[in-house]
Structure formats: structure tokens, C-alpha cells
Amino acid sequence: MDHIRYENIFPIPFFQHQIKDWGRKKQELLDLYKSVTSNISDEDDTVCSDYYRDSSSYWDKIEPILKEDLDLFSSYTKTSYKQNGHWFEKSSFGMHHEIHNHGAIGYSAVCFIEYDESIHTPTKFVSPFNDFFNGNSLTHIPENITSGSLIFFPSSIHHYTSPNTSEKERIVLSFNLTPTTF
């Protein structure tokens, strides 16, 4: 009898978590957002972020808020990480973030702060592999994203956001994590 062995040789890890005690943590993150982004404006038609600002001064405020959630991720992956960049991003009506990645090493994360699942869309991911049958690009859209969702994904994965079609702002916190242990 013939036998075919199946093996998924290149799985892509993706983690999704609902932050505990979200009401308190959301308010702390929004207060921080207001304090660090008060002097930025919608720089162009697509994205408003403090990415290019000196953001090193406020990770020490983010880390205690998300410590329990970051520790959970580290324990699950059995790896410790150091933060390697962080920023807030706001999408007003019509704004979106074009396809991009965050480099070759580590994980990136998105914390959905002001996010209404009835009108907003989550970050969308593009597979590094095309469909093997028809050659088309493959896209993953995470399900059940709500305010307080925190996702982790390999930094090298291309991703983007669709234009915000509502007058309600979508606010996220993003950050990169570099492994410190293997």
C-alpha cells in the first residue's frame, strides 16, 4: 500500500490575547497616548503616528501596564524579549497604513485601544507564500479582534490596515520585541 506523508514545513506563528483588566489598562494607555501625541498632527493622508519621534522616553510607562500580558507571551514562547521600538498610531476617516513589515528578526505586536469591531477592521497579514494552486496572494484577517486585543506576529510578515471608513478614530499601540534568549 502506498503512503503519502504530509508535513507543514513552514508554519507562521500568530498569537492573539485579550488583555486582562482592560478597563483600567485602556485608560492608562489612552492617558499616555494623549500625553505623548499631543504635538503630532495628521502628517499625511494615510497615517498619523509618533513612530519617527523619540519614543524611548515612554516604554518605561507602557511596560508596567502590559507586564502581565508580555510575561504571558514570553512564557508561552519560552523566550525573553527586549523592546525594540514602540509607537501609537491613530487612523481618522480615510486613513490607513500601507503594506510594510518591521524587519527580519523578532516579533511585532499591536494592541487595539480605541477599536470598534462593528466599524473598524483589524490589521491584515499577507502570506510570504502565494497560493500553490493559483499563484494568488494569501491574506489573513484575524477574527474576534476587539478593544483590548493584543496580537503578536513575526516582524518580517507584511501587513497593512484598510482605510477607516468611519468618523470614529481607531487607535493602536504597536511595538517590536527582539529575542534575548533562545
C-alpha atoms as a PDB file:
ATOM      1  CA  MET A   1       0.000   0.000   0.000  1.00  0.00           C
ATOM      2  CA  ASP A   2       1.320   3.429  -0.971  1.00  0.00           C
ATOM      3  CA  HIS A   3       1.577   6.067   1.694  1.00  0.00           C
ATOM      4  CA  ILE A   4       1.943   9.842   1.428  1.00  0.00           C
ATOM      5  CA  ARG A   5       3.394  11.678   4.377  1.00  0.00           C
ATOM      6  CA  TYR A   6       2.099  15.215   4.939  1.00  0.00           C
ATOM      7  CA  GLU A   7       4.153  17.801   6.735  1.00  0.00           C
ATOM      8  CA  ASN A   8       3.571  21.544   7.161  1.00  0.00           C
ATOM      9  CA  ILE A   9       7.191  22.647   6.816  1.00  0.00           C
ATOM     10  CA  PHE A  10       6.905  26.411   7.310  1.00  0.00           C
ATOM     11  CA  PRO A  11       4.238  27.319   9.866  1.00  0.00           C
ATOM     12  CA  ILE A  12       3.874  31.002  10.777  1.00  0.00           C
ATOM     13  CA  PRO A  13       3.216  31.691  14.473  1.00  0.00           C
ATOM     14  CA  PHE A  14       0.474  34.139  15.363  1.00  0.00           C
ATOM     15  CA  PHE A  15      -0.679  34.907  18.906  1.00  0.00           C
ATOM     16  CA  GLN A  16      -3.889  36.648  19.947  1.00  0.00           C
ATOM     17  CA  HIS A  17      -4.720  37.563  23.535  1.00  0.00           C
ATOM     18  CA  GLN A  18      -7.402  39.581  25.308  1.00  0.00           C
ATOM     19  CA  ILE A  19      -5.767  41.844  27.883  1.00  0.00           C
ATOM     20  CA  LYS A  20      -6.937  41.267  31.451  1.00  0.00           C
ATOM     21  CA  ASP A  21      -8.251  44.226  33.473  1.00  0.00           C
ATOM     22  CA  TRP A  22      -8.724  46.052  30.179  1.00  0.00           C
ATOM     23  CA  GLY A  23     -10.864  48.908  31.527  1.00  0.00           C
ATOM     24  CA  ARG A  24      -8.061  50.157  33.776  1.00  0.00           C
ATOM     25  CA  LYS A  25      -5.252  49.434  31.315  1.00  0.00           C
ATOM     26  CA  LYS A  26      -7.130  51.083  28.442  1.00  0.00           C
ATOM     27  CA  GLN A  27      -7.498  54.310  30.413  1.00  0.00           C
ATOM     28  CA  GLU A  28      -3.793  54.272  31.353  1.00  0.00           C
ATOM     29  CA  LEU A  29      -2.791  53.735  27.709  1.00  0.00           C
ATOM     30  CA  LEU A  30      -5.160  56.472  26.500  1.00  0.00           C
ATOM     31  CA  ASP A  31      -3.760  58.897  29.082  1.00  0.00           C
ATOM     32  CA  LEU A  32      -0.244  58.050  27.903  1.00  0.00           C
ATOM     33  CA  TYR A  33      -1.319  58.375  24.250  1.00  0.00           C
ATOM     34  CA  LYS A  34      -2.697  61.863  24.903  1.00  0.00           C
ATOM     35  CA  SER A  35       0.462  62.963  26.705  1.00  0.00           C
ATOM     36  CA  VAL A  36       2.938  61.745  24.069  1.00  0.00           C
ATOM     37  CA  THR A  37       0.982  62.545  20.907  1.00  0.00           C
ATOM     38  CA  SER A  38      -0.379  65.960  21.840  1.00  0.00           C
ATOM     39  CA  ASN A  39       2.070  67.692  19.499  1.00  0.00           C
ATOM     40  CA  ILE A  40       1.656  65.482  16.418  1.00  0.00           C
ATOM     41  CA  SER A  41      -0.845  66.084  13.660  1.00  0.00           C
ATOM     42  CA  ASP A  42      -2.074  64.065  10.723  1.00  0.00           C
ATOM     43  CA  GLU A  43       1.222  64.147   8.825  1.00  0.00           C
ATOM     44  CA  ASP A  44      -0.230  62.884   5.580  1.00  0.00           C
ATOM     45  CA  ASP A  45      -3.420  61.389   4.264  1.00  0.00           C
ATOM     46  CA  THR A  46      -2.628  57.823   5.278  1.00  0.00           C
ATOM     47  CA  VAL A  47      -1.202  57.563   8.780  1.00  0.00           C
ATOM     48  CA  CYS A  48      -0.750  59.589  11.972  1.00  0.00           C
ATOM     49  CA  SER A  49       1.884  58.198  14.315  1.00  0.00           C
ATOM     50  CA  ASP A  50       4.674  59.156  16.661  1.00  0.00           C
ATOM     51  CA  TYR A  51       6.876  56.463  15.040  1.00  0.00           C
ATOM     52  CA  TYR A  52       9.528  58.949  13.929  1.00  0.00           C
ATOM     53  CA  ARG A  53       9.563  60.779  17.268  1.00  0.00           C
ATOM     54  CA  ASP A  54      11.898  59.962  20.146  1.00  0.00           C
ATOM     55  CA  SER A  55       9.711  57.363  21.762  1.00  0.00           C
ATOM     56  CA  SER A  56      12.360  55.903  24.045  1.00  0.00           C
ATOM     57  CA  SER A  57      11.117  58.030  26.883  1.00  0.00           C
ATOM     58  CA  TYR A  58       7.823  56.236  27.456  1.00  0.00           C
ATOM     59  CA  TRP A  59       8.401  52.459  27.205  1.00  0.00           C
ATOM     60  CA  ASP A  60       9.006  52.574  30.966  1.00  0.00           C
ATOM     61  CA  LYS A  61       5.339  53.642  31.255  1.00  0.00           C
ATOM     62  CA  ILE A  62       3.983  51.054  28.781  1.00  0.00           C
ATOM     63  CA  GLU A  63       5.848  48.064  30.189  1.00  0.00           C
ATOM     64  CA  PRO A  64       4.234  48.084  33.662  1.00  0.00           C
ATOM     65  CA  ILE A  65       0.764  48.404  32.104  1.00  0.00           C
ATOM     66  CA  LEU A  66       1.289  45.383  29.843  1.00  0.00           C
ATOM     67  CA  LYS A  67       3.733  43.422  32.045  1.00  0.00           C
ATOM     68  CA  GLU A  68       1.325  40.561  32.813  1.00  0.00           C
ATOM     69  CA  ASP A  69       0.500  40.207  29.106  1.00  0.00           C
ATOM     70  CA  LEU A  70       4.131  40.416  27.970  1.00  0.00           C
ATOM     71  CA  ASP A  71       5.124  37.838  30.598  1.00  0.00           C
ATOM     72  CA  LEU A  72       2.388  35.506  29.347  1.00  0.00           C
ATOM     73  CA  PHE A  73       3.711  35.805  25.775  1.00  0.00           C
ATOM     74  CA  SER A  74       7.289  35.176  26.951  1.00  0.00           C
ATOM     75  CA  SER A  75       6.256  32.127  28.940  1.00  0.00           C
ATOM     76  CA  TYR A  76       4.321  30.720  26.001  1.00  0.00           C
ATOM     77  CA  THR A  77       7.240  31.170  23.574  1.00  0.00           C
ATOM     78  CA  LYS A  78       9.813  30.212  26.235  1.00  0.00           C
ATOM     79  CA  THR A  79      11.852  33.234  25.219  1.00  0.00           C
ATOM     80  CA  SER A  80      12.600  36.564  26.817  1.00  0.00           C
ATOM     81  CA  TYR A  81      12.490  39.754  24.784  1.00  0.00           C
ATOM     82  CA  LYS A  82      13.612  43.338  24.857  1.00  0.00           C
ATOM     83  CA  GLN A  83      11.574  46.129  23.364  1.00  0.00           C
ATOM     84  CA  ASN A  84      12.944  47.479  20.102  1.00  0.00           C
ATOM     85  CA  GLY A  85      10.695  50.404  19.177  1.00  0.00           C
ATOM     86  CA  HIS A  86       7.152  51.406  20.076  1.00  0.00           C
ATOM     87  CA  TRP A  87       4.617  53.947  18.846  1.00  0.00           C
ATOM     88  CA  PHE A  88       0.992  54.954  18.881  1.00  0.00           C
ATOM     89  CA  GLU A  89      -0.958  55.187  15.662  1.00  0.00           C
ATOM     90  CA  LYS A  90      -4.269  56.928  15.010  1.00  0.00           C
ATOM     91  CA  SER A  91      -6.465  56.381  11.963  1.00  0.00           C
ATOM     92  CA  SER A  92      -9.075  59.041  11.310  1.00  0.00           C
ATOM     93  CA  PHE A  93     -11.583  58.838   8.470  1.00  0.00           C
ATOM     94  CA  GLY A  94      -9.909  57.591   5.276  1.00  0.00           C
ATOM     95  CA  MET A  95      -6.567  56.860   6.904  1.00  0.00           C
ATOM     96  CA  HIS A  96      -4.796  53.521   6.501  1.00  0.00           C
ATOM     97  CA  HIS A  97      -1.334  52.034   6.815  1.00  0.00           C
ATOM     98  CA  GLU A  98       0.184  50.746   3.587  1.00  0.00           C
ATOM     99  CA  ILE A  99       1.787  47.318   3.363  1.00  0.00           C
ATOM    100  CA  HIS A 100       5.020  47.080   5.345  1.00  0.00           C
ATOM    101  CA  ASN A 101       6.973  44.901   7.768  1.00  0.00           C
ATOM    102  CA  HIS A 102       9.074  45.578  10.860  1.00  0.00           C
ATOM    103  CA  GLY A 103      12.337  43.893   9.921  1.00  0.00           C
ATOM    104  CA  ALA A 104      13.788  40.402   9.799  1.00  0.00           C
ATOM    105  CA  ILE A 105      14.091  39.458  13.480  1.00  0.00           C
ATOM    106  CA  GLY A 106      11.724  39.066  16.400  1.00  0.00           C
ATOM    107  CA  TYR A 107       8.048  39.714  16.914  1.00  0.00           C
ATOM    108  CA  SER A 108       5.874  42.755  16.497  1.00  0.00           C
ATOM    109  CA  ALA A 109       2.716  43.466  18.446  1.00  0.00           C
ATOM    110  CA  VAL A 110      -0.438  45.518  18.051  1.00  0.00           C
ATOM    111  CA  CYS A 111      -2.627  46.480  20.999  1.00  0.00           C
ATOM    112  CA  PHE A 112      -6.068  47.658  19.851  1.00  0.00           C
ATOM    113  CA  ILE A 113      -7.003  50.545  22.164  1.00  0.00           C
ATOM    114  CA  GLU A 114      -9.804  52.541  20.520  1.00  0.00           C
ATOM    115  CA  TYR A 115     -11.323  49.910  18.302  1.00  0.00           C
ATOM    116  CA  ASP A 116     -14.968  49.295  17.478  1.00  0.00           C
ATOM    117  CA  GLU A 117     -15.314  45.910  15.805  1.00  0.00           C
ATOM    118  CA  SER A 118     -18.632  46.952  14.249  1.00  0.00           C
ATOM    119  CA  ILE A 119     -16.953  49.681  12.144  1.00  0.00           C
ATOM    120  CA  HIS A 120     -13.182  49.169  12.221  1.00  0.00           C
ATOM    121  CA  THR A 121     -11.099  46.462  10.556  1.00  0.00           C
ATOM    122  CA  PRO A 122      -8.060  44.812  12.130  1.00  0.00           C
ATOM    123  CA  THR A 123      -4.521  44.606  10.849  1.00  0.00           C
ATOM    124  CA  LYS A 124      -4.365  42.324   7.801  1.00  0.00           C
ATOM    125  CA  PHE A 125      -1.464  39.985   7.061  1.00  0.00           C
ATOM    126  CA  VAL A 126      -0.001  38.881   3.737  1.00  0.00           C
ATOM    127  CA  SER A 127       1.460  35.392   3.477  1.00  0.00           C
ATOM    128  CA  PRO A 128       5.095  35.175   2.364  1.00  0.00           C
ATOM    129  CA  PHE A 129       3.905  32.305   0.139  1.00  0.00           C
ATOM    130  CA  ASN A 130       1.434  32.550  -2.719  1.00  0.00           C
ATOM    131  CA  ASP A 131      -1.403  30.077  -3.089  1.00  0.00           C
ATOM    132  CA  PHE A 132       0.184  26.907  -4.502  1.00  0.00           C
ATOM    133  CA  PHE A 133      -2.760  26.186  -6.804  1.00  0.00           C
ATOM    134  CA  ASN A 134      -3.407  29.532  -8.482  1.00  0.00           C
ATOM    135  CA  GLY A 135      -0.462  31.783  -7.538  1.00  0.00           C
ATOM    136  CA  ASN A 136      -2.634  34.381  -5.807  1.00  0.00           C
ATOM    137  CA  SER A 137      -1.524  36.248  -2.702  1.00  0.00           C
ATOM    138  CA  LEU A 138      -2.969  34.942   0.547  1.00  0.00           C
ATOM    139  CA  THR A 139      -4.243  37.286   3.253  1.00  0.00           C
ATOM    140  CA  HIS A 140      -5.073  36.545   6.879  1.00  0.00           C
ATOM    141  CA  ILE A 141      -7.553  38.711   8.770  1.00  0.00           C
ATOM    142  CA  PRO A 142      -7.648  37.857  12.486  1.00  0.00           C
ATOM    143  CA  GLU A 143     -11.082  37.103  13.886  1.00  0.00           C
ATOM    144  CA  ASN A 144     -12.659  38.396  17.078  1.00  0.00           C
ATOM    145  CA  ILE A 145     -10.458  41.480  17.403  1.00  0.00           C
ATOM    146  CA  THR A 146     -11.934  43.885  19.952  1.00  0.00           C
ATOM    147  CA  SER A 147     -10.725  46.772  22.058  1.00  0.00           C
ATOM    148  CA  GLY A 148      -8.166  45.154  24.361  1.00  0.00           C
ATOM    149  CA  SER A 149      -6.966  42.569  21.848  1.00  0.00           C
ATOM    150  CA  LEU A 150      -3.197  42.153  21.707  1.00  0.00           C
ATOM    151  CA  ILE A 151      -1.632  40.304  18.792  1.00  0.00           C
ATOM    152  CA  PHE A 152       1.950  39.127  18.272  1.00  0.00           C
ATOM    153  CA  PHE A 153       3.367  38.101  14.885  1.00  0.00           C
ATOM    154  CA  PRO A 154       6.786  37.681  13.246  1.00  0.00           C
ATOM    155  CA  SER A 155       8.167  41.134  12.431  1.00  0.00           C
ATOM    156  CA  SER A 156       9.036  40.019   8.895  1.00  0.00           C
ATOM    157  CA  ILE A 157       5.399  39.351   7.927  1.00  0.00           C
ATOM    158  CA  HIS A 158       3.979  42.014   5.639  1.00  0.00           C
ATOM    159  CA  HIS A 159       0.825  43.630   6.981  1.00  0.00           C
ATOM    160  CA  TYR A 160      -1.416  46.652   6.447  1.00  0.00           C
ATOM    161  CA  THR A 161      -4.662  48.288   7.504  1.00  0.00           C
ATOM    162  CA  SER A 162      -7.625  49.175   5.320  1.00  0.00           C
ATOM    163  CA  PRO A 163      -8.910  52.747   5.246  1.00  0.00           C
ATOM    164  CA  ASN A 164     -11.006  53.759   8.225  1.00  0.00           C
ATOM    165  CA  THR A 165     -14.491  54.259   6.784  1.00  0.00           C
ATOM    166  CA  SER A 166     -15.968  55.831   9.912  1.00  0.00           C
ATOM    167  CA  GLU A 167     -15.650  59.152  11.713  1.00  0.00           C
ATOM    168  CA  LYS A 168     -14.621  57.242  14.854  1.00  0.00           C
ATOM    169  CA  GLU A 169     -10.845  57.143  15.342  1.00  0.00           C
ATOM    170  CA  ARG A 170      -9.013  53.834  15.564  1.00  0.00           C
ATOM    171  CA  ILE A 171      -6.052  54.000  17.991  1.00  0.00           C
ATOM    172  CA  VAL A 172      -3.447  51.272  18.429  1.00  0.00           C
ATOM    173  CA  LEU A 173      -0.164  50.834  20.228  1.00  0.00           C
ATOM    174  CA  SER A 174       2.477  48.920  18.285  1.00  0.00           C
ATOM    175  CA  PHE A 175       5.871  47.677  19.401  1.00  0.00           C
ATOM    176  CA  ASN A 176       8.687  45.373  18.364  1.00  0.00           C
ATOM    177  CA  LEU A 177      10.290  42.680  20.508  1.00  0.00           C
ATOM    178  CA  THR A 178      13.757  41.257  19.899  1.00  0.00           C
ATOM    179  CA  PRO A 179      14.580  37.870  21.471  1.00  0.00           C
ATOM    180  CA  THR A 180      17.261  37.945  24.162  1.00  0.00           C
ATOM    181  CA  THR A 181      17.324  34.179  24.817  1.00  0.00           C
ATOM    182  CA  PHE A 182      16.902  31.187  22.564  1.00  0.00           C
END
